[in-house]
Amino acid sequence: MQLLRRPSADLSAGSRLTRPGPRAGVGAGVAAVIGNPRATLFDMGALPGFFDLSGLTAADVVAIAALVPMAGNLALAQFLGRARRLLASPAARRRLNLVPRAMLVAVGALIPFV
């Protein structure tokens, strides 16, 4: 109901995670990584199956634990930056919100028939 009633919100309004500056960005990144139990469980559960742990060096551990995820996060950040620029105008956000609104109405209309 909030999605249907609420107008397109400003992307930068009221978010502590979008403050400018490297310190705020690093803090938000560390909080996101530490608060992601799925990544931790993957690192502990699945990664040992891919590598011979007895043959790993310190450089291997740094590459596996820090550099590879950092490269993925930087690529994602670049993509999201471009998406944010595309959605900067209220008209673009309004058009984007029409799709989930229509999907919600369609699902609500189909529920009695399922």
Protein backbone atom coordinates (compact mmCIF):
# COMPACT_ATOMS: atom_id res chain seq x y z
CA MET A 1 0.00 0.00 0.00
CA GLN A 2 2.87 2.39 0.76
CA LEU A 3 4.32 1.81 -2.70
CA LEU A 4 0.98 2.62 -4.26
CA ARG A 5 0.35 5.74 -2.17
CA ARG A 6 3.85 7.13 -1.75
CA PRO A 7 5.27 9.37 -4.48
CA SER A 8 8.76 8.74 -5.79
CA ALA A 9 11.15 9.45 -2.94
CA ASP A 10 14.40 11.34 -3.39
CA LEU A 11 17.30 8.88 -3.56
CA SER A 12 19.54 10.90 -1.27
CA ALA A 13 17.01 11.95 1.35
CA GLY A 14 17.59 10.84 4.92
CA SER A 15 20.20 8.14 4.49
CA ARG A 16 23.29 8.00 6.67
CA LEU A 17 24.81 5.47 4.27
CA THR A 18 25.01 7.98 1.42
CA ARG A 19 27.04 10.67 3.15
CA PRO A 20 29.89 11.88 0.96
CA GLY A 21 33.50 11.17 1.78
CA PRO A 22 35.81 8.17 1.98
CA ARG A 23 35.40 7.66 5.73
CA ALA A 24 31.62 7.35 5.50
CA GLY A 25 31.92 5.09 2.45
CA VAL A 26 34.42 2.76 4.08
CA GLY A 27 32.33 2.66 7.25
CA ALA A 28 29.20 1.74 5.31
CA GLY A 29 31.14 -0.90 3.37
CA VAL A 30 32.59 -2.48 6.50
CA ALA A 31 29.17 -2.52 8.13
CA ALA A 32 27.66 -4.19 5.06
CA VAL A 33 30.37 -6.84 4.88
CA ILE A 34 30.34 -7.61 8.61
CA GLY A 35 26.55 -7.67 8.66
CA ASN A 36 26.32 -10.18 5.78
CA PRO A 37 26.18 -13.66 7.32
CA ARG A 38 25.77 -15.28 3.91
CA ALA A 39 29.27 -14.16 2.84
CA THR A 40 30.77 -15.40 6.10
CA LEU A 41 29.04 -18.76 5.82
CA PHE A 42 30.20 -19.08 2.22
CA ASP A 43 33.78 -18.26 3.19
CA MET A 44 33.75 -20.83 5.98
CA GLY A 45 31.70 -23.52 4.27
CA ALA A 46 32.25 -23.53 0.54
CA LEU A 47 35.65 -21.96 -0.08
CA PRO A 48 37.65 -24.71 1.65
CA GLY A 49 36.24 -27.13 -0.90
CA PHE A 50 37.81 -25.12 -3.73
CA PHE A 51 41.30 -24.71 -2.31
CA ASP A 52 43.94 -26.94 -0.75
CA LEU A 53 44.22 -25.18 2.60
CA SER A 54 47.63 -26.66 3.36
CA GLY A 55 49.12 -25.03 0.25
CA LEU A 56 47.76 -21.51 0.72
CA THR A 57 50.18 -18.66 1.32
CA ALA A 58 49.44 -15.35 3.02
CA ALA A 59 49.16 -13.69 -0.40
CA ASP A 60 46.58 -16.31 -1.46
CA VAL A 61 44.51 -15.67 1.64
CA VAL A 62 44.59 -11.89 1.05
CA ALA A 63 43.55 -12.36 -2.57
CA ILE A 64 40.73 -14.76 -1.71
CA ALA A 65 39.42 -12.89 1.32
CA ALA A 66 39.92 -9.27 0.29
CA LEU A 67 40.91 -8.53 -3.29
CA VAL A 68 38.38 -10.69 -5.14
CA PRO A 69 35.36 -9.50 -3.10
CA MET A 70 36.61 -5.92 -3.31
CA ALA A 71 36.78 -6.11 -7.11
CA GLY A 72 33.21 -7.42 -7.22
CA ASN A 73 31.99 -4.71 -4.87
CA LEU A 74 33.72 -1.99 -6.91
CA ALA A 75 32.08 -3.26 -10.09
CA LEU A 76 28.71 -3.30 -8.35
CA ALA A 77 29.30 0.23 -7.01
CA GLN A 78 30.09 1.47 -10.52
CA PHE A 79 26.91 -0.12 -11.88
CA LEU A 80 24.80 1.32 -9.06
CA GLY A 81 26.34 4.77 -9.60
CA ARG A 82 25.24 4.68 -13.21
CA ALA A 83 21.78 3.47 -12.25
CA ARG A 84 21.51 6.25 -9.70
CA ARG A 85 22.33 8.86 -12.34
CA LEU A 86 19.68 7.35 -14.64
CA LEU A 87 17.07 7.56 -11.88
CA ALA A 88 17.99 11.08 -10.76
CA SER A 89 14.87 12.73 -12.15
CA PRO A 90 11.48 12.37 -10.47
CA ALA A 91 9.94 11.39 -13.82
CA ALA A 92 12.34 8.46 -14.20
CA ARG A 93 11.66 7.27 -10.64
CA ARG A 94 7.92 7.56 -11.21
CA ARG A 95 8.18 5.44 -14.38
CA LEU A 96 10.30 2.89 -12.52
CA ASN A 97 7.75 2.65 -9.70
CA LEU A 98 4.92 1.98 -12.14
CA VAL A 99 6.23 -1.54 -12.84
CA PRO A 100 6.12 -2.83 -9.22
CA ARG A 101 2.79 -1.08 -8.69
CA ALA A 102 1.31 -2.85 -11.71
CA MET A 103 2.80 -6.17 -10.59
CA LEU A 104 1.29 -5.79 -7.11
CA VAL A 105 -2.13 -5.09 -8.58
CA ALA A 106 -1.80 -8.05 -10.99
CA VAL A 107 -0.78 -10.46 -8.22
CA GLY A 108 -3.61 -9.24 -6.02
CA ALA A 109 -6.07 -9.76 -8.85
CA LEU A 110 -4.76 -13.29 -9.58
CA ILE A 111 -4.73 -14.58 -5.97
CA PRO A 112 -8.44 -15.51 -5.88
CA PHE A 113 -7.99 -17.69 -8.96
CA VAL A 114 -4.97 -19.69 -7.76
